[in-house]
Amino acid sequence: MTIPIDNPWVCIVCRRQADSIAVGRPGRLGWLCEECGPERAKDAYMMQREFYKYEQRALEKVRSELMEGDLVVPDAELITFLEWLINTFGEKIREELDSGKPPF
Protein backbone atom coordinates (compact mmCIF):
# COMPACT_ATOMS: atom_id res chain seq x y z
CA MET A 1 0.00 0.00 0.00
CA THR A 2 1.07 3.56 -0.37
CA ILE A 3 0.88 6.16 2.35
CA PRO A 4 -1.99 8.60 1.76
CA ILE A 5 -0.25 11.93 1.29
CA ASP A 6 -2.33 15.10 0.83
CA ASN A 7 -5.60 13.30 1.54
CA PRO A 8 -7.25 15.21 4.40
CA TRP A 9 -9.90 12.50 4.82
CA VAL A 10 -7.56 9.54 5.48
CA CYS A 11 -5.20 8.95 8.42
CA ILE A 12 -1.62 8.45 7.25
CA VAL A 13 -1.17 5.61 9.76
CA CYS A 14 -4.33 3.53 10.07
CA ARG A 15 -6.32 4.67 6.99
CA ARG A 16 -9.40 5.53 9.03
CA GLN A 17 -11.04 8.98 8.94
CA ALA A 18 -8.53 11.73 9.65
CA ASP A 19 -9.12 14.67 11.95
CA SER A 20 -8.04 18.23 11.18
CA ILE A 21 -4.36 17.80 12.05
CA ALA A 22 -1.49 17.02 9.68
CA VAL A 23 2.26 16.51 9.67
CA GLY A 24 4.69 17.32 6.89
CA ARG A 25 5.09 20.38 4.77
CA PRO A 26 2.70 22.36 2.55
CA GLY A 27 1.95 20.39 -0.58
CA ARG A 28 3.00 17.13 1.08
CA LEU A 29 0.92 16.60 4.22
CA GLY A 30 0.02 13.42 6.07
CA TRP A 31 -3.26 13.78 7.94
CA LEU A 32 -3.92 11.85 11.13
CA CYS A 33 -6.73 10.64 13.32
CA GLU A 34 -7.03 11.30 17.03
CA GLU A 35 -6.21 7.68 17.92
CA CYS A 36 -2.93 7.59 16.02
CA GLY A 37 -1.77 11.02 17.15
CA PRO A 38 1.00 13.27 15.85
CA GLU A 39 3.97 11.18 17.01
CA ARG A 40 2.88 8.07 15.11
CA ALA A 41 1.95 10.22 12.12
CA LYS A 42 5.42 11.80 12.15
CA ASP A 43 6.98 8.32 12.26
CA ALA A 44 4.87 7.17 9.30
CA TYR A 45 5.61 10.35 7.37
CA MET A 46 9.38 10.07 7.95
CA MET A 47 9.54 6.41 6.88
CA GLN A 48 7.36 6.56 3.79
CA ARG A 49 9.55 4.18 1.81
CA GLU A 50 9.73 1.58 4.58
CA PHE A 51 6.21 1.90 6.01
CA TYR A 52 4.88 -0.95 3.87
CA LYS A 53 6.93 -3.35 6.01
CA TYR A 54 4.99 -2.27 9.11
CA GLU A 55 1.77 -2.60 7.15
CA GLN A 56 2.69 -6.11 6.05
CA ARG A 57 3.37 -7.24 9.62
CA ALA A 58 0.07 -5.69 10.76
CA LEU A 59 -1.81 -7.46 7.96
CA GLU A 60 -0.21 -10.77 8.93
CA LYS A 61 -1.38 -10.27 12.51
CA VAL A 62 -4.93 -9.54 11.33
CA ARG A 63 -4.82 -12.65 9.13
CA SER A 64 -3.75 -14.76 12.10
CA GLU A 65 -6.98 -13.78 13.87
CA LEU A 66 -9.10 -15.20 11.02
CA MET A 67 -10.04 -18.86 10.73
CA GLU A 68 -8.17 -21.00 8.18
CA GLY A 69 -9.90 -21.79 4.90
CA ASP A 70 -12.03 -19.87 2.50
CA LEU A 71 -13.54 -16.76 3.97
CA VAL A 72 -17.29 -16.57 3.63
CA VAL A 73 -19.15 -13.66 5.18
CA PRO A 74 -22.94 -13.60 4.98
CA ASP A 75 -24.36 -10.39 3.49
CA ALA A 76 -26.04 -9.49 6.77
CA GLU A 77 -22.65 -9.58 8.56
CA LEU A 78 -20.46 -8.01 5.87
CA ILE A 79 -20.51 -4.43 7.22
CA THR A 80 -19.75 -5.67 10.74
CA PHE A 81 -16.88 -7.78 9.38
CA LEU A 82 -15.42 -4.90 7.37
CA GLU A 83 -15.63 -2.63 10.40
CA TRP A 84 -13.79 -5.26 12.47
CA LEU A 85 -11.17 -5.64 9.73
CA ILE A 86 -10.49 -1.91 9.46
CA ASN A 87 -10.42 -1.36 13.22
CA THR A 88 -8.19 -4.38 13.82
CA PHE A 89 -5.75 -3.24 11.13
CA GLY A 90 -5.60 0.19 12.79
CA GLU A 91 -4.87 -1.42 16.17
CA LYS A 92 -2.16 -3.68 14.74
CA ILE A 93 -0.41 -0.93 12.76
CA ARG A 94 -0.32 1.26 15.88
CA GLU A 95 1.14 -1.69 17.84
CA GLU A 96 3.80 -2.15 15.16
CA LEU A 97 4.83 1.51 15.30
CA ASP A 98 4.83 1.52 19.09
CA SER A 99 6.93 -1.66 19.29
CA GLY A 100 10.07 0.17 18.21
CA LYS A 101 11.08 -2.73 15.95
CA PRO A 102 12.98 -1.81 12.82
CA PRO A 103 11.01 -2.06 9.56
CA PHE A 104 12.71 -5.23 8.35
PDB file of N, CA and C in Angstrom:
ATOM      1  N   MET A   1       0.842  -1.175   0.000  1.00  0.00           N
ATOM      2  CA  MET A   1       0.000   0.000   0.000  1.00  0.00           C
ATOM      3  C   MET A   1       0.888   1.239   0.000  1.00  0.00           C
ATOM      4  N   THR A   2       0.330   2.308  -0.405  1.00  0.00           N
ATOM      5  CA  THR A   2       1.069   3.563  -0.366  1.00  0.00           C
ATOM      6  C   THR A   2       0.481   4.459   0.720  1.00  0.00           C
ATOM      7  N   ILE A   3       1.319   5.247   1.302  1.00  0.00           N
ATOM      8  CA  ILE A   3       0.883   6.164   2.352  1.00  0.00           C
ATOM      9  C   ILE A   3       0.032   7.262   1.720  1.00  0.00           C
ATOM     10  N   PRO A   4      -1.133   7.552   2.317  1.00  0.00           N
ATOM     11  CA  PRO A   4      -1.990   8.598   1.755  1.00  0.00           C
ATOM     12  C   PRO A   4      -1.470  10.003   2.073  1.00  0.00           C
ATOM     13  N   ILE A   5      -0.774  10.581   1.145  1.00  0.00           N
ATOM     14  CA  ILE A   5      -0.248  11.935   1.287  1.00  0.00           C
ATOM     15  C   ILE A   5      -1.248  12.902   0.643  1.00  0.00           C
ATOM     16  N   ASP A   6      -1.439  14.049   1.311  1.00  0.00           N
ATOM     17  CA  ASP A   6      -2.334  15.099   0.830  1.00  0.00           C
ATOM     18  C   ASP A   6      -3.788  14.643   0.682  1.00  0.00           C
ATOM     19  N   ASN A   7      -4.204  13.716   1.511  1.00  0.00           N
ATOM     20  CA  ASN A   7      -5.603  13.296   1.543  1.00  0.00           C
ATOM     21  C   ASN A   7      -6.146  13.633   2.929  1.00  0.00           C
ATOM     22  N   PRO A   8      -6.820  14.765   3.082  1.00  0.00           N
ATOM     23  CA  PRO A   8      -7.254  15.209   4.404  1.00  0.00           C
ATOM     24  C   PRO A   8      -8.344  14.344   5.025  1.00  0.00           C
ATOM     25  N   TRP A   9      -8.841  13.357   4.300  1.00  0.00           N
ATOM     26  CA  TRP A   9      -9.901  12.497   4.819  1.00  0.00           C
ATOM     27  C   TRP A   9      -9.371  11.192   5.391  1.00  0.00           C
ATOM     28  N   VAL A  10      -8.096  10.859   5.128  1.00  0.00           N
ATOM     29  CA  VAL A  10      -7.563   9.540   5.482  1.00  0.00           C
ATOM     30  C   VAL A  10      -6.342   9.677   6.390  1.00  0.00           C
ATOM     31  N   CYS A  11      -6.344   8.941   7.504  1.00  0.00           N
ATOM     32  CA  CYS A  11      -5.204   8.948   8.420  1.00  0.00           C
ATOM     33  C   CYS A  11      -3.996   8.304   7.748  1.00  0.00           C
ATOM     34  N   ILE A  12      -2.859   8.945   7.856  1.00  0.00           N
ATOM     35  CA  ILE A  12      -1.623   8.454   7.251  1.00  0.00           C
ATOM     36  C   ILE A  12      -1.179   7.120   7.852  1.00  0.00           C
ATOM     37  N   VAL A  13      -1.595   6.834   9.083  1.00  0.00           N
ATOM     38  CA  VAL A  13      -1.171   5.615   9.764  1.00  0.00           C
ATOM     39  C   VAL A  13      -2.154   4.475   9.547  1.00  0.00           C
ATOM     40  N   CYS A  14      -3.384   4.653  10.014  1.00  0.00           N
ATOM     41  CA  CYS A  14      -4.334   3.533  10.066  1.00  0.00           C
ATOM     42  C   CYS A  14      -5.362   3.528   8.946  1.00  0.00           C
ATOM     43  N   ARG A  15      -5.412   4.549   8.126  1.00  0.00           N
ATOM     44  CA  ARG A  15      -6.316   4.672   6.985  1.00  0.00           C
ATOM     45  C   ARG A  15      -7.776   4.910   7.365  1.00  0.00           C
ATOM     46  N   ARG A  16      -8.044   5.184   8.632  1.00  0.00           N
ATOM     47  CA  ARG A  16      -9.403   5.532   9.030  1.00  0.00           C
ATOM     48  C   ARG A  16      -9.605   7.025   8.777  1.00  0.00           C
ATOM     49  N   GLN A  17     -10.743   7.567   9.178  1.00  0.00           N
ATOM     50  CA  GLN A  17     -11.036   8.981   8.939  1.00  0.00           C
ATOM     51  C   GLN A  17     -10.085   9.872   9.720  1.00  0.00           C
ATOM     52  N   ALA A  18      -9.468  10.803   9.025  1.00  0.00           N
ATOM     53  CA  ALA A  18      -8.528  11.733   9.647  1.00  0.00           C
ATOM     54  C   ALA A  18      -9.271  12.870  10.322  1.00  0.00           C
ATOM     55  N   ASP A  19      -8.607  13.466  11.305  1.00  0.00           N
ATOM     56  CA  ASP A  19      -9.123  14.666  11.947  1.00  0.00           C
ATOM     57  C   ASP A  19      -8.493  15.863  11.243  1.00  0.00           C
ATOM     58  N   SER A  20      -8.514  17.008  11.843  1.00  0.00           N
ATOM     59  CA  SER A  20      -8.043  18.229  11.178  1.00  0.00           C
ATOM     60  C   SER A  20      -6.592  18.572  11.500  1.00  0.00           C
ATOM     61  N   ILE A  21      -5.767  17.563  11.729  1.00  0.00           N
ATOM     62  CA  ILE A  21      -4.356  17.800  12.055  1.00  0.00           C
ATOM     63  C   ILE A  21      -3.501  17.046  11.030  1.00  0.00           C
ATOM     64  N   ALA A  22      -2.376  17.644  10.651  1.00  0.00           N
ATOM     65  CA  ALA A  22      -1.494  17.015   9.675  1.00  0.00           C
ATOM     66  C   ALA A  22      -0.037  17.219  10.072  1.00  0.00           C
ATOM     67  N   VAL A  23       0.819  16.367   9.520  1.00  0.00           N
ATOM     68  CA  VAL A  23       2.262  16.512   9.667  1.00  0.00           C
ATOM     69  C   VAL A  23       2.853  16.628   8.262  1.00  0.00           C
ATOM     70  N   GLY A  24       4.029  17.189   8.175  1.00  0.00           N
ATOM     71  CA  GLY A  24       4.690  17.323   6.886  1.00  0.00           C
ATOM     72  C   GLY A  24       4.918  18.766   6.528  1.00  0.00           C
ATOM     73  N   ARG A  25       4.888  19.031   5.246  1.00  0.00           N
ATOM     74  CA  ARG A  25       5.094  20.382   4.768  1.00  0.00           C
ATOM     75  C   ARG A  25       4.022  20.717   3.742  1.00  0.00           C
ATOM     76  N   PRO A  26       3.743  21.986   3.517  1.00  0.00           N
ATOM     77  CA  PRO A  26       2.702  22.357   2.551  1.00  0.00           C
ATOM     78  C   PRO A  26       2.925  21.661   1.207  1.00  0.00           C
ATOM     79  N   GLY A  27       1.850  21.114   0.678  1.00  0.00           N
ATOM     80  CA  GLY A  27       1.946  20.389  -0.584  1.00  0.00           C
ATOM     81  C   GLY A  27       2.311  18.934  -0.415  1.00  0.00           C
ATOM     82  N   ARG A  28       2.643  18.533   0.805  1.00  0.00           N
ATOM     83  CA  ARG A  28       3.000  17.131   1.079  1.00  0.00           C
ATOM     84  C   ARG A  28       2.674  16.844   2.546  1.00  0.00           C
ATOM     85  N   LEU A  29       1.377  16.773   2.850  1.00  0.00           N
ATOM     86  CA  LEU A  29       0.921  16.596   4.216  1.00  0.00           C
ATOM     87  C   LEU A  29       0.376  15.188   4.436  1.00  0.00           C
ATOM     88  N   GLY A  30       0.602  14.676   5.632  1.00  0.00           N
ATOM     89  CA  GLY A  30       0.024  13.423   6.068  1.00  0.00           C
ATOM     90  C   GLY A  30      -0.955  13.708   7.188  1.00  0.00           C
ATOM     91  N   TRP A  31      -2.218  13.491   6.956  1.00  0.00           N
ATOM     92  CA  TRP A  31      -3.256  13.781   7.939  1.00  0.00           C
ATOM     93  C   TRP A  31      -3.347  12.625   8.915  1.00  0.00           C
ATOM     94  N   LEU A  32      -3.869  12.888  10.111  1.00  0.00           N
ATOM     95  CA  LEU A  32      -3.921  11.852  11.134  1.00  0.00           C
ATOM     96  C   LEU A  32      -5.237  11.863  11.875  1.00  0.00           C
ATOM     97  N   CYS A  33      -5.540  10.723  12.483  1.00  0.00           N
ATOM     98  CA  CYS A  33      -6.735  10.639  13.323  1.00  0.00           C
ATOM     99  C   CYS A  33      -6.316  10.844  14.782  1.00  0.00           C
ATOM    100  N   GLU A  34      -7.301  11.049  15.613  1.00  0.00           N
ATOM    101  CA  GLU A  34      -7.030  11.300  17.030  1.00  0.00           C
ATOM    102  C   GLU A  34      -6.370  10.098  17.702  1.00  0.00           C
ATOM    103  N   GLU A  35      -6.771   8.883  17.295  1.00  0.00           N
ATOM    104  CA  GLU A  35      -6.205   7.685  17.924  1.00  0.00           C
ATOM    105  C   GLU A  35      -4.729   7.502  17.609  1.00  0.00           C
ATOM    106  N   CYS A  36      -4.337   7.788  16.393  1.00  0.00           N
ATOM    107  CA  CYS A  36      -2.929   7.592  16.023  1.00  0.00           C
ATOM    108  C   CYS A  36      -2.042   8.703  16.574  1.00  0.00           C
ATOM    109  N   GLY A  37      -2.510   9.917  16.569  1.00  0.00           N
ATOM    110  CA  GLY A  37      -1.769  11.022  17.146  1.00  0.00           C
ATOM    111  C   GLY A  37      -0.594  11.489  16.314  1.00  0.00           C
ATOM    112  N   PRO A  38      -0.049  12.657  16.659  1.00  0.00           N
ATOM    113  CA  PRO A  38       1.003  13.267  15.851  1.00  0.00           C
ATOM    114  C   PRO A  38       2.334  12.514  15.871  1.00  0.00           C
ATOM    115  N   GLU A  39       2.680  11.875  16.971  1.00  0.00           N
ATOM    116  CA  GLU A  39       3.973  11.178  17.010  1.00  0.00           C
ATOM    117  C   GLU A  39       3.999  10.002  16.042  1.00  0.00           C
ATOM    118  N   ARG A  40       2.945   9.193  16.057  1.00  0.00           N
ATOM    119  CA  ARG A  40       2.880   8.065  15.112  1.00  0.00           C
ATOM    120  C   ARG A  40       2.814   8.583  13.673  1.00  0.00           C
ATOM    121  N   ALA A  41       2.061   9.656  13.464  1.00  0.00           N
ATOM    122  CA  ALA A  41       1.953  10.223  12.119  1.00  0.00           C
ATOM    123  C   ALA A  41       3.311  10.722  11.631  1.00  0.00           C
ATOM    124  N   LYS A  42       4.072  11.360  12.520  1.00  0.00           N
ATOM    125  CA  LYS A  42       5.425  11.801  12.145  1.00  0.00           C
ATOM    126  C   LYS A  42       6.295  10.606  11.777  1.00  0.00           C
ATOM    127  N   ASP A  43       6.206   9.532  12.563  1.00  0.00           N
ATOM    128  CA  ASP A  43       6.980   8.325  12.257  1.00  0.00           C
ATOM    129  C   ASP A  43       6.622   7.794  10.867  1.00  0.00           C
ATOM    130  N   ALA A  44       5.319   7.672  10.600  1.00  0.00           N
ATOM    131  CA  ALA A  44       4.875   7.168   9.299  1.00  0.00           C
ATOM    132  C   ALA A  44       5.333   8.094   8.171  1.00  0.00           C
ATOM    133  N   TYR A  45       5.216   9.382   8.381  1.00  0.00           N
ATOM    134  CA  TYR A  45       5.614  10.352   7.366  1.00  0.00           C
ATOM    135  C   TYR A  45       7.116  10.247   7.070  1.00  0.00           C
ATOM    136  N   MET A  46       7.915  10.102   8.121  1.00  0.00           N
ATOM    137  CA  MET A  46       9.376  10.069   7.951  1.00  0.00           C
ATOM    138  C   MET A  46       9.862   8.766   7.314  1.00  0.00           C
ATOM    139  N   MET A  47       9.092   7.698   7.418  1.00  0.00           N
ATOM    140  CA  MET A  47       9.545   6.415   6.879  1.00  0.00           C
ATOM    141  C   MET A  47       8.679   5.960   5.707  1.00  0.00           C
ATOM    142  N   GLN A  48       8.276   6.882   4.881  1.00  0.00           N
ATOM    143  CA  GLN A  48       7.356   6.562   3.793  1.00  0.00           C
ATOM    144  C   GLN A  48       7.807   5.384   2.945  1.00  0.00           C
ATOM    145  N   ARG A  49       9.056   5.271   2.662  1.00  0.00           N
ATOM    146  CA  ARG A  49       9.547   4.181   1.810  1.00  0.00           C
ATOM    147  C   ARG A  49       9.548   2.834   2.509  1.00  0.00           C
ATOM    148  N   GLU A  50       9.673   2.827   3.830  1.00  0.00           N
ATOM    149  CA  GLU A  50       9.728   1.578   4.577  1.00  0.00           C
ATOM    150  C   GLU A  50       8.418   1.216   5.270  1.00  0.00           C
ATOM    151  N   PHE A  51       7.434   2.096   5.230  1.00  0.00           N
ATOM    152  CA  PHE A  51       6.215   1.901   6.007  1.00  0.00           C
ATOM    153  C   PHE A  51       5.458   0.641   5.598  1.00  0.00           C
ATOM    154  N   TYR A  52       5.588   0.240   4.339  1.00  0.00           N
ATOM    155  CA  TYR A  52       4.882  -0.948   3.873  1.00  0.00           C
ATOM    156  C   TYR A  52       5.282  -2.194   4.664  1.00  0.00           C
ATOM    157  N   LYS A  53       6.490  -2.195   5.215  1.00  0.00           N
ATOM    158  CA  LYS A  53       6.930  -3.352   6.012  1.00  0.00           C
ATOM    159  C   LYS A  53       6.140  -3.438   7.315  1.00  0.00           C
ATOM    160  N   TYR A  54       5.840  -2.295   7.925  1.00  0.00           N
ATOM    161  CA  TYR A  54       4.988  -2.272   9.110  1.00  0.00           C
ATOM    162  C   TYR A  54       3.574  -2.718   8.742  1.00  0.00           C
ATOM    163  N   GLU A  55       3.097  -2.223   7.607  1.00  0.00           N
ATOM    164  CA  GLU A  55       1.766  -2.602   7.154  1.00  0.00           C
ATOM    165  C   GLU A  55       1.675  -4.113   6.927  1.00  0.00           C
ATOM    166  N   GLN A  56       2.691  -4.685   6.318  1.00  0.00           N
ATOM    167  CA  GLN A  56       2.690  -6.113   6.046  1.00  0.00           C
ATOM    168  C   GLN A  56       2.623  -6.917   7.337  1.00  0.00           C
ATOM    169  N   ARG A  57       3.406  -6.532   8.330  1.00  0.00           N
ATOM    170  CA  ARG A  57       3.365  -7.240   9.622  1.00  0.00           C
ATOM    171  C   ARG A  57       1.997  -7.087  10.279  1.00  0.00           C
ATOM    172  N   ALA A  58       1.406  -5.906  10.182  1.00  0.00           N
ATOM    173  CA  ALA A  58       0.072  -5.688  10.757  1.00  0.00           C
ATOM    174  C   ALA A  58      -0.966  -6.547  10.041  1.00  0.00           C
ATOM    175  N   LEU A  59      -0.879  -6.624   8.723  1.00  0.00           N
ATOM    176  CA  LEU A  59      -1.813  -7.459   7.963  1.00  0.00           C
ATOM    177  C   LEU A  59      -1.658  -8.935   8.329  1.00  0.00           C
ATOM    178  N   GLU A  60      -0.433  -9.383   8.529  1.00  0.00           N
ATOM    179  CA  GLU A  60      -0.205 -10.769   8.927  1.00  0.00           C
ATOM    180  C   GLU A  60      -0.831 -11.057  10.293  1.00  0.00           C
ATOM    181  N   LYS A  61      -0.769 -10.092  11.193  1.00  0.00           N
ATOM    182  CA  LYS A  61      -1.384 -10.274  12.507  1.00  0.00           C
ATOM    183  C   LYS A  61      -2.905 -10.323  12.403  1.00  0.00           C
ATOM    184  N   VAL A  62      -3.479  -9.492  11.538  1.00  0.00           N
ATOM    185  CA  VAL A  62      -4.932  -9.535  11.327  1.00  0.00           C
ATOM    186  C   VAL A  62      -5.303 -10.895  10.733  1.00  0.00           C
ATOM    187  N   ARG A  63      -4.539 -11.341   9.760  1.00  0.00           N
ATOM    188  CA  ARG A  63      -4.816 -12.649   9.126  1.00  0.00           C
ATOM    189  C   ARG A  63      -4.773 -13.771  10.151  1.00  0.00           C
ATOM    190  N   SER A  64      -3.869 -13.696  11.097  1.00  0.00           N
ATOM    191  CA  SER A  64      -3.747 -14.758  12.098  1.00  0.00           C
ATOM    192  C   SER A  64      -4.981 -14.840  13.000  1.00  0.00           C
ATOM    193  N   GLU A  65      -5.773 -13.776  13.052  1.00  0.00           N
ATOM    194  CA  GLU A  65      -6.984 -13.779  13.866  1.00  0.00           C
ATOM    195  C   GLU A  65      -8.184 -14.371  13.115  1.00  0.00           C
ATOM    196  N   LEU A  66      -8.024 -14.616  11.817  1.00  0.00           N
ATOM    197  CA  LEU A  66      -9.103 -15.203  11.020  1.00  0.00           C
ATOM    198  C   LEU A  66      -8.949 -16.721  10.990  1.00  0.00           C
ATOM    199  N   MET A  67     -10.068 -17.404  10.833  1.00  0.00           N
ATOM    200  CA  MET A  67     -10.035 -18.865  10.735  1.00  0.00           C
ATOM    201  C   MET A  67      -9.364 -19.272   9.427  1.00  0.00           C
ATOM    202  N   GLU A  68      -8.775 -20.464   9.411  1.00  0.00           N
ATOM    203  CA  GLU A  68      -8.173 -20.998   8.183  1.00  0.00           C
ATOM    204  C   GLU A  68      -9.277 -21.368   7.192  1.00  0.00           C
ATOM    205  N   GLY A  69      -8.943 -21.394   5.935  1.00  0.00           N
ATOM    206  CA  GLY A  69      -9.900 -21.793   4.904  1.00  0.00           C
ATOM    207  C   GLY A  69     -10.451 -20.606   4.156  1.00  0.00           C
ATOM    208  N   ASP A  70     -11.402 -20.916   3.296  1.00  0.00           N
ATOM    209  CA  ASP A  70     -12.030 -19.868   2.499  1.00  0.00           C
ATOM    210  C   ASP A  70     -12.882 -18.982   3.395  1.00  0.00           C
ATOM    211  N   LEU A  71     -12.789 -17.725   3.170  1.00  0.00           N
ATOM    212  CA  LEU A  71     -13.537 -16.760   3.965  1.00  0.00           C
ATOM    213  C   LEU A  71     -14.900 -16.529   3.330  1.00  0.00           C
ATOM    214  N   VAL A  72     -15.935 -16.809   4.088  1.00  0.00           N
ATOM    215  CA  VAL A  72     -17.294 -16.570   3.626  1.00  0.00           C
ATOM    216  C   VAL A  72     -17.990 -15.724   4.683  1.00  0.00           C
ATOM    217  N   VAL A  73     -18.468 -14.568   4.258  1.00  0.00           N
ATOM    218  CA  VAL A  73     -19.153 -13.662   5.177  1.00  0.00           C
ATOM    219  C   VAL A  73     -20.567 -13.450   4.639  1.00  0.00           C
ATOM    220  N   PRO A  74     -21.564 -13.834   5.427  1.00  0.00           N
ATOM    221  CA  PRO A  74     -22.941 -13.595   4.982  1.00  0.00           C
ATOM    222  C   PRO A  74     -23.198 -12.103   4.778  1.00  0.00           C
ATOM    223  N   ASP A  75     -24.056 -11.790   3.808  1.00  0.00           N
ATOM    224  CA  ASP A  75     -24.359 -10.391   3.488  1.00  0.00           C
ATOM    225  C   ASP A  75     -24.775  -9.591   4.713  1.00  0.00           C
ATOM    226  N   ALA A  76     -25.549 -10.199   5.589  1.00  0.00           N
ATOM    227  CA  ALA A  76     -26.037  -9.492   6.765  1.00  0.00           C
ATOM    228  C   ALA A  76     -24.914  -9.130   7.739  1.00  0.00           C
ATOM    229  N   GLU A  77     -23.772  -9.810   7.641  1.00  0.00           N
ATOM    230  CA  GLU A  77     -22.652  -9.579   8.559  1.00  0.00           C
ATOM    231  C   GLU A  77     -21.472  -8.872   7.895  1.00  0.00           C
ATOM    232  N   LEU A  78     -21.594  -8.568   6.611  1.00  0.00           N
ATOM    233  CA  LEU A  78     -20.463  -8.012   5.868  1.00  0.00           C
ATOM    234  C   LEU A  78     -20.002  -6.665   6.420  1.00  0.00           C
ATOM    235  N   ILE A  79     -20.901  -5.752   6.702  1.00  0.00           N
ATOM    236  CA  ILE A  79     -20.514  -4.431   7.218  1.00  0.00           C
ATOM    237  C   ILE A  79     -19.825  -4.582   8.568  1.00  0.00           C
ATOM    238  N   THR A  80     -20.364  -5.427   9.426  1.00  0.00           N
ATOM    239  CA  THR A  80     -19.748  -5.667  10.735  1.00  0.00           C
ATOM    240  C   THR A  80     -18.354  -6.252  10.570  1.00  0.00           C
ATOM    241  N   PHE A  81     -18.190  -7.185   9.634  1.00  0.00           N
ATOM    242  CA  PHE A  81     -16.877  -7.785   9.383  1.00  0.00           C
ATOM    243  C   PHE A  81     -15.891  -6.744   8.869  1.00  0.00           C
ATOM    244  N   LEU A  82     -16.322  -5.928   7.921  1.00  0.00           N
ATOM    245  CA  LEU A  82     -15.424  -4.903   7.373  1.00  0.00           C
ATOM    246  C   LEU A  82     -15.013  -3.903   8.441  1.00  0.00           C
ATOM    247  N   GLU A  83     -15.949  -3.531   9.295  1.00  0.00           N
ATOM    248  CA  GLU A  83     -15.629  -2.626  10.399  1.00  0.00           C
ATOM    249  C   GLU A  83     -14.592  -3.256  11.319  1.00  0.00           C
ATOM    250  N   TRP A  84     -14.775  -4.536  11.643  1.00  0.00           N
ATOM    251  CA  TRP A  84     -13.793  -5.260  12.469  1.00  0.00           C
ATOM    252  C   TRP A  84     -12.434  -5.264  11.774  1.00  0.00           C
ATOM    253  N   LEU A  85     -12.421  -5.554  10.484  1.00  0.00           N
ATOM    254  CA  LEU A  85     -11.175  -5.640   9.729  1.00  0.00           C
ATOM    255  C   LEU A  85     -10.419  -4.320   9.745  1.00  0.00           C
ATOM    256  N   ILE A  86     -11.116  -3.236   9.481  1.00  0.00           N
ATOM    257  CA  ILE A  86     -10.486  -1.909   9.456  1.00  0.00           C
ATOM    258  C   ILE A  86      -9.983  -1.519  10.844  1.00  0.00           C
ATOM    259  N   ASN A  87     -10.823  -1.720  11.851  1.00  0.00           N
ATOM    260  CA  ASN A  87     -10.420  -1.360  13.216  1.00  0.00           C
ATOM    261  C   ASN A  87      -9.258  -2.211  13.707  1.00  0.00           C
ATOM    262  N   THR A  88      -9.273  -3.489  13.394  1.00  0.00           N
ATOM    263  CA  THR A  88      -8.194  -4.375  13.824  1.00  0.00           C
ATOM    264  C   THR A  88      -6.885  -4.012  13.121  1.00  0.00           C
ATOM    265  N   PHE A  89      -6.951  -3.685  11.824  1.00  0.00           N
ATOM    266  CA  PHE A  89      -5.747  -3.242  11.132  1.00  0.00           C
ATOM    267  C   PHE A  89      -5.189  -1.986  11.793  1.00  0.00           C
ATOM    268  N   GLY A  90      -6.050  -1.041  12.120  1.00  0.00           N
ATOM    269  CA  GLY A  90      -5.605   0.189  12.792  1.00  0.00           C
ATOM    270  C   GLY A  90      -4.906  -0.109  14.102  1.00  0.00           C
ATOM    271  N   GLU A  91      -5.487  -1.028  14.896  1.00  0.00           N
ATOM    272  CA  GLU A  91      -4.866  -1.418  16.173  1.00  0.00           C
ATOM    273  C   GLU A  91      -3.504  -2.051  15.946  1.00  0.00           C
ATOM    274  N   LYS A  92      -3.420  -2.956  14.984  1.00  0.00           N
ATOM    275  CA  LYS A  92      -2.161  -3.683  14.735  1.00  0.00           C
ATOM    276  C   LYS A  92      -1.079  -2.767  14.180  1.00  0.00           C
ATOM    277  N   ILE A  93      -1.435  -1.833  13.312  1.00  0.00           N
ATOM    278  CA  ILE A  93      -0.414  -0.931  12.763  1.00  0.00           C
ATOM    279  C   ILE A  93       0.098   0.000  13.855  1.00  0.00           C
ATOM    280  N   ARG A  94      -0.783   0.431  14.753  1.00  0.00           N
ATOM    281  CA  ARG A  94      -0.320   1.255  15.878  1.00  0.00           C
ATOM    282  C   ARG A  94       0.603   0.443  16.783  1.00  0.00           C
ATOM    283  N   GLU A  95       0.275  -0.829  17.035  1.00  0.00           N
ATOM    284  CA  GLU A  95       1.136  -1.691  17.839  1.00  0.00           C
ATOM    285  C   GLU A  95       2.511  -1.839  17.181  1.00  0.00           C
ATOM    286  N   GLU A  96       2.524  -2.014  15.877  1.00  0.00           N
ATOM    287  CA  GLU A  96       3.801  -2.151  15.157  1.00  0.00           C
ATOM    288  C   GLU A  96       4.657  -0.904  15.315  1.00  0.00           C
ATOM    289  N   LEU A  97       4.066   0.262  15.143  1.00  0.00           N
ATOM    290  CA  LEU A  97       4.830   1.507  15.296  1.00  0.00           C
ATOM    291  C   LEU A  97       5.311   1.699  16.726  1.00  0.00           C
ATOM    292  N   ASP A  98       4.470   1.340  17.692  1.00  0.00           N
ATOM    293  CA  ASP A  98       4.833   1.516  19.088  1.00  0.00           C
ATOM    294  C   ASP A  98       5.860   0.513  19.577  1.00  0.00           C
ATOM    295  N   SER A  99       6.019  -0.599  18.840  1.00  0.00           N
ATOM    296  CA  SER A  99       6.926  -1.659  19.292  1.00  0.00           C
ATOM    297  C   SER A  99       8.391  -1.240  19.209  1.00  0.00           C
ATOM    298  N   GLY A 100       8.687  -0.274  18.339  1.00  0.00           N
ATOM    299  CA  GLY A 100      10.074   0.172  18.205  1.00  0.00           C
ATOM    300  C   GLY A 100      10.927  -0.770  17.377  1.00  0.00           C
ATOM    301  N   LYS A 101      10.321  -1.796  16.781  1.00  0.00           N
ATOM    302  CA  LYS A 101      11.082  -2.726  15.953  1.00  0.00           C
ATOM    303  C   LYS A 101      11.455  -2.060  14.635  1.00  0.00           C
ATOM    304  N   PRO A 102      12.613  -2.389  14.106  1.00  0.00           N
ATOM    305  CA  PRO A 102      12.982  -1.805  12.817  1.00  0.00           C
ATOM    306  C   PRO A 102      12.066  -2.357  11.726  1.00  0.00           C
ATOM    307  N   PRO A 103      11.951  -1.648  10.620  1.00  0.00           N
ATOM    308  CA  PRO A 103      11.013  -2.063   9.560  1.00  0.00           C
ATOM    309  C   PRO A 103      11.542  -3.158   8.653  1.00  0.00           C
ATOM    310  N   PHE A 104      12.242  -4.125   9.190  1.00  0.00           N
ATOM    311  CA  PHE A 104      12.708  -5.228   8.350  1.00  0.00           C
ATOM    312  C   PHE A 104      12.670  -6.512   9.124  1.00  0.00           C
TER     313      PHE A 104
END
